[in-house]
Amino acid sequence: MERNAELRDFLRTRRARITPEQAGVQPHPGPRRVPGLRREEVAYLAGVSADYYGRLEQGRHLNISD
Protein backbone atom coordinates (compact mmCIF):
# COMPACT_ATOMS: atom_id res chain seq x y z
CA MET A 1 0.00 0.00 0.00
CA GLU A 2 2.93 2.34 0.61
CA ARG A 3 3.88 2.28 -3.08
CA ASN A 4 0.39 3.53 -3.90
CA ALA A 5 0.82 6.40 -1.43
CA GLU A 6 4.16 7.33 -2.97
CA LEU A 7 2.67 7.30 -6.46
CA ARG A 8 -0.33 9.33 -5.29
CA ASP A 9 1.88 12.00 -3.71
CA PHE A 10 4.14 12.13 -6.76
CA LEU A 11 1.24 12.59 -9.19
CA ARG A 12 -0.49 15.23 -7.08
CA THR A 13 2.61 17.35 -6.60
CA ARG A 14 3.59 17.19 -10.27
CA ARG A 15 0.07 18.01 -11.45
CA ALA A 16 -0.01 21.09 -9.22
CA ARG A 17 3.27 22.42 -10.66
CA ILE A 18 2.18 22.89 -14.27
CA THR A 19 -0.44 25.23 -15.71
CA PRO A 20 -2.72 24.36 -18.62
CA GLU A 21 -0.88 26.92 -20.73
CA GLN A 22 2.49 25.27 -20.01
CA ALA A 23 1.05 21.87 -20.96
CA GLY A 24 -0.55 23.19 -24.14
CA VAL A 25 -4.08 22.46 -22.94
CA GLN A 26 -6.96 24.81 -23.64
CA PRO A 27 -8.20 25.76 -20.13
CA HIS A 28 -11.89 25.35 -19.39
CA PRO A 29 -13.75 28.58 -18.72
CA GLY A 30 -14.49 29.57 -15.16
CA PRO A 31 -12.54 29.47 -11.92
CA ARG A 32 -10.14 26.65 -11.18
CA ARG A 33 -10.43 24.92 -7.83
CA VAL A 34 -6.94 23.43 -8.00
CA PRO A 35 -3.55 24.90 -8.76
CA GLY A 36 -2.16 23.46 -11.97
CA LEU A 37 -3.82 20.89 -14.17
CA ARG A 38 -7.10 19.12 -13.51
CA ARG A 39 -7.12 15.33 -13.39
CA GLU A 40 -9.06 15.18 -16.63
CA GLU A 41 -6.42 17.29 -18.35
CA VAL A 42 -3.57 15.05 -17.17
CA ALA A 43 -5.50 11.95 -18.23
CA TYR A 44 -6.05 13.44 -21.68
CA LEU A 45 -2.36 14.26 -22.05
CA ALA A 46 -1.35 10.79 -20.82
CA GLY A 47 -3.79 8.98 -23.09
CA VAL A 48 -5.66 7.23 -20.28
CA SER A 49 -9.19 7.54 -19.00
CA ALA A 50 -9.96 10.15 -16.38
CA ASP A 51 -11.34 7.38 -14.16
CA TYR A 52 -8.11 5.38 -14.37
CA TYR A 53 -5.95 8.43 -13.65
CA GLY A 54 -8.21 9.34 -10.72
CA ARG A 55 -7.73 5.88 -9.24
CA LEU A 56 -3.95 6.20 -9.64
CA GLU A 57 -3.89 9.57 -7.94
CA GLN A 58 -6.17 8.47 -5.12
CA GLY A 59 -3.77 5.64 -4.32
CA ARG A 60 -6.32 2.90 -4.83
CA HIS A 61 -5.02 -0.63 -5.19
CA LEU A 62 -4.35 -1.27 -8.86
CA ASN A 63 -3.40 -4.34 -10.81
CA ILE A 64 -1.03 -2.95 -13.41
CA SER A 65 0.15 -5.39 -16.06
CA ASP A 66 3.76 -5.62 -17.15
PDB file of N, CA and C in Angstrom:
ATOM      1  N   MET A   1       0.824  -1.204   0.000  1.00  0.00           N
ATOM      2  CA  MET A   1       0.000   0.000   0.000  1.00  0.00           C
ATOM      3  C   MET A   1       0.861   1.257   0.000  1.00  0.00           C
ATOM      4  N   GLU A   2       2.075   1.158   0.550  1.00  0.00           N
ATOM      5  CA  GLU A   2       2.933   2.335   0.612  1.00  0.00           C
ATOM      6  C   GLU A   2       3.344   2.808  -0.781  1.00  0.00           C
ATOM      7  N   ARG A   3       3.536   1.877  -1.710  1.00  0.00           N
ATOM      8  CA  ARG A   3       3.881   2.277  -3.081  1.00  0.00           C
ATOM      9  C   ARG A   3       2.760   3.115  -3.683  1.00  0.00           C
ATOM     10  N   ASN A   4       1.520   2.752  -3.386  1.00  0.00           N
ATOM     11  CA  ASN A   4       0.390   3.529  -3.898  1.00  0.00           C
ATOM     12  C   ASN A   4       0.408   4.942  -3.316  1.00  0.00           C
ATOM     13  N   ALA A   5       0.767   5.078  -2.063  1.00  0.00           N
ATOM     14  CA  ALA A   5       0.823   6.404  -1.435  1.00  0.00           C
ATOM     15  C   ALA A   5       1.942   7.237  -2.049  1.00  0.00           C
ATOM     16  N   GLU A   6       3.060   6.614  -2.330  1.00  0.00           N
ATOM     17  CA  GLU A   6       4.161   7.328  -2.969  1.00  0.00           C
ATOM     18  C   GLU A   6       3.772   7.803  -4.365  1.00  0.00           C
ATOM     19  N   LEU A   7       3.119   6.930  -5.120  1.00  0.00           N
ATOM     20  CA  LEU A   7       2.670   7.296  -6.464  1.00  0.00           C
ATOM     21  C   LEU A   7       1.641   8.418  -6.388  1.00  0.00           C
ATOM     22  N   ARG A   8       0.704   8.304  -5.471  1.00  0.00           N
ATOM     23  CA  ARG A   8      -0.326   9.331  -5.289  1.00  0.00           C
ATOM     24  C   ARG A   8       0.309  10.697  -5.003  1.00  0.00           C
ATOM     25  N   ASP A   9       1.227  10.728  -4.067  1.00  0.00           N
ATOM     26  CA  ASP A   9       1.876  11.996  -3.714  1.00  0.00           C
ATOM     27  C   ASP A   9       2.674  12.564  -4.884  1.00  0.00           C
ATOM     28  N   PHE A  10       3.371  11.695  -5.601  1.00  0.00           N
ATOM     29  CA  PHE A  10       4.136  12.134  -6.757  1.00  0.00           C
ATOM     30  C   PHE A  10       3.230  12.764  -7.810  1.00  0.00           C
ATOM     31  N   LEU A  11       2.143  12.076  -8.152  1.00  0.00           N
ATOM     32  CA  LEU A  11       1.241  12.586  -9.186  1.00  0.00           C
ATOM     33  C   LEU A  11       0.593  13.906  -8.775  1.00  0.00           C
ATOM     34  N   ARG A  12       0.156  13.998  -7.540  1.00  0.00           N
ATOM     35  CA  ARG A  12      -0.486  15.231  -7.077  1.00  0.00           C
ATOM     36  C   ARG A  12       0.458  16.422  -7.107  1.00  0.00           C
ATOM     37  N   THR A  13       1.680  16.225  -6.641  1.00  0.00           N
ATOM     38  CA  THR A  13       2.610  17.352  -6.603  1.00  0.00           C
ATOM     39  C   THR A  13       3.019  17.784  -8.002  1.00  0.00           C
ATOM     40  N   ARG A  14       3.206  16.834  -8.904  1.00  0.00           N
ATOM     41  CA  ARG A  14       3.592  17.190 -10.269  1.00  0.00           C
ATOM     42  C   ARG A  14       2.451  17.871 -11.004  1.00  0.00           C
ATOM     43  N   ARG A  15       1.237  17.413 -10.784  1.00  0.00           N
ATOM     44  CA  ARG A  15       0.067  18.010 -11.446  1.00  0.00           C
ATOM     45  C   ARG A  15      -0.119  19.449 -11.005  1.00  0.00           C
ATOM     46  N   ALA A  16       0.175  19.742  -9.748  1.00  0.00           N
ATOM     47  CA  ALA A  16      -0.010  21.091  -9.215  1.00  0.00           C
ATOM     48  C   ALA A  16       1.033  22.074  -9.735  1.00  0.00           C
ATOM     49  N   ARG A  17       2.170  21.556 -10.236  1.00  0.00           N
ATOM     50  CA  ARG A  17       3.271  22.419 -10.660  1.00  0.00           C
ATOM     51  C   ARG A  17       3.108  23.022 -12.053  1.00  0.00           C
ATOM     52  N   ILE A  18       2.254  22.459 -12.875  1.00  0.00           N
ATOM     53  CA  ILE A  18       2.179  22.891 -14.267  1.00  0.00           C
ATOM     54  C   ILE A  18       0.809  23.485 -14.578  1.00  0.00           C
ATOM     55  N   THR A  19       0.814  24.574 -15.329  1.00  0.00           N
ATOM     56  CA  THR A  19      -0.438  25.231 -15.708  1.00  0.00           C
ATOM     57  C   THR A  19      -0.929  24.653 -17.028  1.00  0.00           C
ATOM     58  N   PRO A  20      -2.207  24.827 -17.323  1.00  0.00           N
ATOM     59  CA  PRO A  20      -2.718  24.359 -18.624  1.00  0.00           C
ATOM     60  C   PRO A  20      -1.958  24.984 -19.796  1.00  0.00           C
ATOM     61  N   GLU A  21      -1.609  26.243 -19.655  1.00  0.00           N
ATOM     62  CA  GLU A  21      -0.876  26.922 -20.727  1.00  0.00           C
ATOM     63  C   GLU A  21       0.485  26.275 -20.963  1.00  0.00           C
ATOM     64  N   GLN A  22       1.189  25.921 -19.889  1.00  0.00           N
ATOM     65  CA  GLN A  22       2.494  25.269 -20.012  1.00  0.00           C
ATOM     66  C   GLN A  22       2.366  23.899 -20.670  1.00  0.00           C
ATOM     67  N   ALA A  23       1.259  23.210 -20.423  1.00  0.00           N
ATOM     68  CA  ALA A  23       1.049  21.869 -20.963  1.00  0.00           C
ATOM     69  C   ALA A  23       0.452  21.896 -22.360  1.00  0.00           C
ATOM     70  N   GLY A  24       0.054  23.088 -22.816  1.00  0.00           N
ATOM     71  CA  GLY A  24      -0.549  23.190 -24.137  1.00  0.00           C
ATOM     72  C   GLY A  24      -1.999  22.746 -24.175  1.00  0.00           C
ATOM     73  N   VAL A  25      -2.670  22.855 -23.042  1.00  0.00           N
ATOM     74  CA  VAL A  25      -4.077  22.461 -22.940  1.00  0.00           C
ATOM     75  C   VAL A  25      -4.932  23.710 -22.909  1.00  0.00           C
ATOM     76  N   GLN A  26      -6.010  23.700 -23.657  1.00  0.00           N
ATOM     77  CA  GLN A  26      -6.962  24.814 -23.642  1.00  0.00           C
ATOM     78  C   GLN A  26      -7.710  24.775 -22.304  1.00  0.00           C
ATOM     79  N   PRO A  27      -7.522  25.781 -21.443  1.00  0.00           N
ATOM     80  CA  PRO A  27      -8.196  25.757 -20.131  1.00  0.00           C
ATOM     81  C   PRO A  27      -9.710  25.917 -20.279  1.00  0.00           C
ATOM     82  N   HIS A  28     -10.430  25.218 -19.419  1.00  0.00           N
ATOM     83  CA  HIS A  28     -11.887  25.347 -19.390  1.00  0.00           C
ATOM     84  C   HIS A  28     -12.245  26.714 -18.821  1.00  0.00           C
ATOM     85  N   PRO A  29     -13.343  27.279 -19.274  1.00  0.00           N
ATOM     86  CA  PRO A  29     -13.749  28.579 -18.721  1.00  0.00           C
ATOM     87  C   PRO A  29     -14.166  28.459 -17.261  1.00  0.00           C
ATOM     88  N   GLY A  30     -14.061  29.543 -16.560  1.00  0.00           N
ATOM     89  CA  GLY A  30     -14.486  29.569 -15.163  1.00  0.00           C
ATOM     90  C   GLY A  30     -13.324  29.406 -14.208  1.00  0.00           C
ATOM     91  N   PRO A  31     -13.609  29.557 -12.928  1.00  0.00           N
ATOM     92  CA  PRO A  31     -12.545  29.474 -11.918  1.00  0.00           C
ATOM     93  C   PRO A  31     -12.022  28.047 -11.767  1.00  0.00           C
ATOM     94  N   ARG A  32     -10.768  27.954 -11.434  1.00  0.00           N
ATOM     95  CA  ARG A  32     -10.143  26.650 -11.183  1.00  0.00           C
ATOM     96  C   ARG A  32     -10.080  26.430  -9.681  1.00  0.00           C
ATOM     97  N   ARG A  33     -10.439  25.237  -9.250  1.00  0.00           N
ATOM     98  CA  ARG A  33     -10.428  24.923  -7.825  1.00  0.00           C
ATOM     99  C   ARG A  33      -9.093  24.354  -7.371  1.00  0.00           C
ATOM    100  N   VAL A  34      -8.245  24.017  -8.324  1.00  0.00           N
ATOM    101  CA  VAL A  34      -6.944  23.432  -7.998  1.00  0.00           C
ATOM    102  C   VAL A  34      -5.839  24.228  -8.676  1.00  0.00           C
ATOM    103  N   PRO A  35      -4.674  24.288  -8.053  1.00  0.00           N
ATOM    104  CA  PRO A  35      -3.546  24.899  -8.759  1.00  0.00           C
ATOM    105  C   PRO A  35      -3.045  23.903  -9.804  1.00  0.00           C
ATOM    106  N   GLY A  36      -2.696  24.362 -10.950  1.00  0.00           N
ATOM    107  CA  GLY A  36      -2.163  23.464 -11.968  1.00  0.00           C
ATOM    108  C   GLY A  36      -3.244  22.792 -12.789  1.00  0.00           C
ATOM    109  N   LEU A  37      -2.919  21.617 -13.283  1.00  0.00           N
ATOM    110  CA  LEU A  37      -3.821  20.890 -14.166  1.00  0.00           C
ATOM    111  C   LEU A  37      -4.905  20.152 -13.401  1.00  0.00           C
ATOM    112  N   ARG A  38      -6.030  19.972 -14.049  1.00  0.00           N
ATOM    113  CA  ARG A  38      -7.097  19.121 -13.510  1.00  0.00           C
ATOM    114  C   ARG A  38      -6.770  17.671 -13.853  1.00  0.00           C
ATOM    115  N   ARG A  39      -7.352  16.747 -13.111  1.00  0.00           N
ATOM    116  CA  ARG A  39      -7.120  15.326 -13.385  1.00  0.00           C
ATOM    117  C   ARG A  39      -7.493  14.961 -14.810  1.00  0.00           C
ATOM    118  N   GLU A  40      -8.594  15.494 -15.280  1.00  0.00           N
ATOM    119  CA  GLU A  40      -9.059  15.180 -16.628  1.00  0.00           C
ATOM    120  C   GLU A  40      -8.050  15.640 -17.684  1.00  0.00           C
ATOM    121  N   GLU A  41      -7.410  16.763 -17.418  1.00  0.00           N
ATOM    122  CA  GLU A  41      -6.422  17.289 -18.354  1.00  0.00           C
ATOM    123  C   GLU A  41      -5.177  16.409 -18.386  1.00  0.00           C
ATOM    124  N   VAL A  42      -4.729  15.943 -17.222  1.00  0.00           N
ATOM    125  CA  VAL A  42      -3.572  15.052 -17.167  1.00  0.00           C
ATOM    126  C   VAL A  42      -3.900  13.731 -17.848  1.00  0.00           C
ATOM    127  N   ALA A  43      -5.087  13.207 -17.601  1.00  0.00           N
ATOM    128  CA  ALA A  43      -5.497  11.949 -18.227  1.00  0.00           C
ATOM    129  C   ALA A  43      -5.506  12.082 -19.745  1.00  0.00           C
ATOM    130  N   TYR A  44      -6.027  13.188 -20.243  1.00  0.00           N
ATOM    131  CA  TYR A  44      -6.053  13.437 -21.681  1.00  0.00           C
ATOM    132  C   TYR A  44      -4.633  13.450 -22.246  1.00  0.00           C
ATOM    133  N   LEU A  45      -3.742  14.169 -21.588  1.00  0.00           N
ATOM    134  CA  LEU A  45      -2.356  14.262 -22.052  1.00  0.00           C
ATOM    135  C   LEU A  45      -1.641  12.915 -21.985  1.00  0.00           C
ATOM    136  N   ALA A  46      -1.992  12.096 -20.994  1.00  0.00           N
ATOM    137  CA  ALA A  46      -1.345  10.792 -20.821  1.00  0.00           C
ATOM    138  C   ALA A  46      -1.973   9.704 -21.682  1.00  0.00           C
ATOM    139  N   GLY A  47      -3.135   9.980 -22.249  1.00  0.00           N
ATOM    140  CA  GLY A  47      -3.793   8.983 -23.088  1.00  0.00           C
ATOM    141  C   GLY A  47      -4.469   7.873 -22.308  1.00  0.00           C
ATOM    142  N   VAL A  48      -4.921   8.203 -21.097  1.00  0.00           N
ATOM    143  CA  VAL A  48      -5.662   7.231 -20.285  1.00  0.00           C
ATOM    144  C   VAL A  48      -7.002   7.844 -19.909  1.00  0.00           C
ATOM    145  N   SER A  49      -7.892   7.021 -19.405  1.00  0.00           N
ATOM    146  CA  SER A  49      -9.193   7.545 -19.001  1.00  0.00           C
ATOM    147  C   SER A  49      -9.062   8.375 -17.725  1.00  0.00           C
ATOM    148  N   ALA A  50      -9.962   9.318 -17.580  1.00  0.00           N
ATOM    149  CA  ALA A  50      -9.961  10.153 -16.375  1.00  0.00           C
ATOM    150  C   ALA A  50     -10.227   9.298 -15.140  1.00  0.00           C
ATOM    151  N   ASP A  51     -11.050   8.268 -15.285  1.00  0.00           N
ATOM    152  CA  ASP A  51     -11.337   7.376 -14.162  1.00  0.00           C
ATOM    153  C   ASP A  51     -10.080   6.628 -13.728  1.00  0.00           C
ATOM    154  N   TYR A  52      -9.332   6.111 -14.684  1.00  0.00           N
ATOM    155  CA  TYR A  52      -8.106   5.380 -14.366  1.00  0.00           C
ATOM    156  C   TYR A  52      -7.086   6.305 -13.694  1.00  0.00           C
ATOM    157  N   TYR A  53      -6.902   7.487 -14.254  1.00  0.00           N
ATOM    158  CA  TYR A  53      -5.953   8.430 -13.650  1.00  0.00           C
ATOM    159  C   TYR A  53      -6.404   8.802 -12.238  1.00  0.00           C
ATOM    160  N   GLY A  54      -7.696   9.010 -12.054  1.00  0.00           N
ATOM    161  CA  GLY A  54      -8.211   9.337 -10.724  1.00  0.00           C
ATOM    162  C   GLY A  54      -7.906   8.247  -9.720  1.00  0.00           C
ATOM    163  N   ARG A  55      -8.055   6.986 -10.134  1.00  0.00           N
ATOM    164  CA  ARG A  55      -7.726   5.876  -9.237  1.00  0.00           C
ATOM    165  C   ARG A  55      -6.242   5.855  -8.904  1.00  0.00           C
ATOM    166  N   LEU A  56      -5.396   6.139  -9.901  1.00  0.00           N
ATOM    167  CA  LEU A  56      -3.955   6.201  -9.636  1.00  0.00           C
ATOM    168  C   LEU A  56      -3.639   7.266  -8.600  1.00  0.00           C
ATOM    169  N   GLU A  57      -4.212   8.447  -8.819  1.00  0.00           N
ATOM    170  CA  GLU A  57      -3.895   9.571  -7.938  1.00  0.00           C
ATOM    171  C   GLU A  57      -4.487   9.415  -6.547  1.00  0.00           C
ATOM    172  N   GLN A  58      -5.562   8.694  -6.433  1.00  0.00           N
ATOM    173  CA  GLN A  58      -6.167   8.473  -5.117  1.00  0.00           C
ATOM    174  C   GLN A  58      -5.472   7.356  -4.352  1.00  0.00           C
ATOM    175  N   GLY A  59      -4.533   6.683  -4.993  1.00  0.00           N
ATOM    176  CA  GLY A  59      -3.767   5.643  -4.321  1.00  0.00           C
ATOM    177  C   GLY A  59      -4.533   4.351  -4.128  1.00  0.00           C
ATOM    178  N   ARG A  60      -5.564   4.153  -4.936  1.00  0.00           N
ATOM    179  CA  ARG A  60      -6.319   2.905  -4.826  1.00  0.00           C
ATOM    180  C   ARG A  60      -5.466   1.746  -5.320  1.00  0.00           C
ATOM    181  N   HIS A  61      -5.756   0.566  -4.787  1.00  0.00           N
ATOM    182  CA  HIS A  61      -5.021  -0.631  -5.193  1.00  0.00           C
ATOM    183  C   HIS A  61      -5.297  -0.903  -6.669  1.00  0.00           C
ATOM    184  N   LEU A  62      -4.235  -1.023  -7.426  1.00  0.00           N
ATOM    185  CA  LEU A  62      -4.353  -1.266  -8.863  1.00  0.00           C
ATOM    186  C   LEU A  62      -3.591  -2.504  -9.257  1.00  0.00           C
ATOM    187  N   ASN A  63      -4.100  -3.202 -10.231  1.00  0.00           N
ATOM    188  CA  ASN A  63      -3.397  -4.340 -10.807  1.00  0.00           C
ATOM    189  C   ASN A  63      -2.875  -3.908 -12.163  1.00  0.00           C
ATOM    190  N   ILE A  64      -1.640  -3.450 -12.192  1.00  0.00           N
ATOM    191  CA  ILE A  64      -1.034  -2.951 -13.411  1.00  0.00           C
ATOM    192  C   ILE A  64      -0.274  -4.089 -14.075  1.00  0.00           C
ATOM    193  N   SER A  65      -0.540  -4.310 -15.341  1.00  0.00           N
ATOM    194  CA  SER A  65       0.146  -5.388 -16.057  1.00  0.00           C
ATOM    195  C   SER A  65       1.546  -4.936 -16.459  1.00  0.00           C
ATOM    196  N   ASP A  66       2.406  -5.916 -16.704  1.00  0.00           N
ATOM    197  CA  ASP A  66       3.758  -5.616 -17.154  1.00  0.00           C
ATOM    198  C   ASP A  66       3.720  -5.017 -18.531  1.00  0.00           C
TER     199      ASP A  66
END
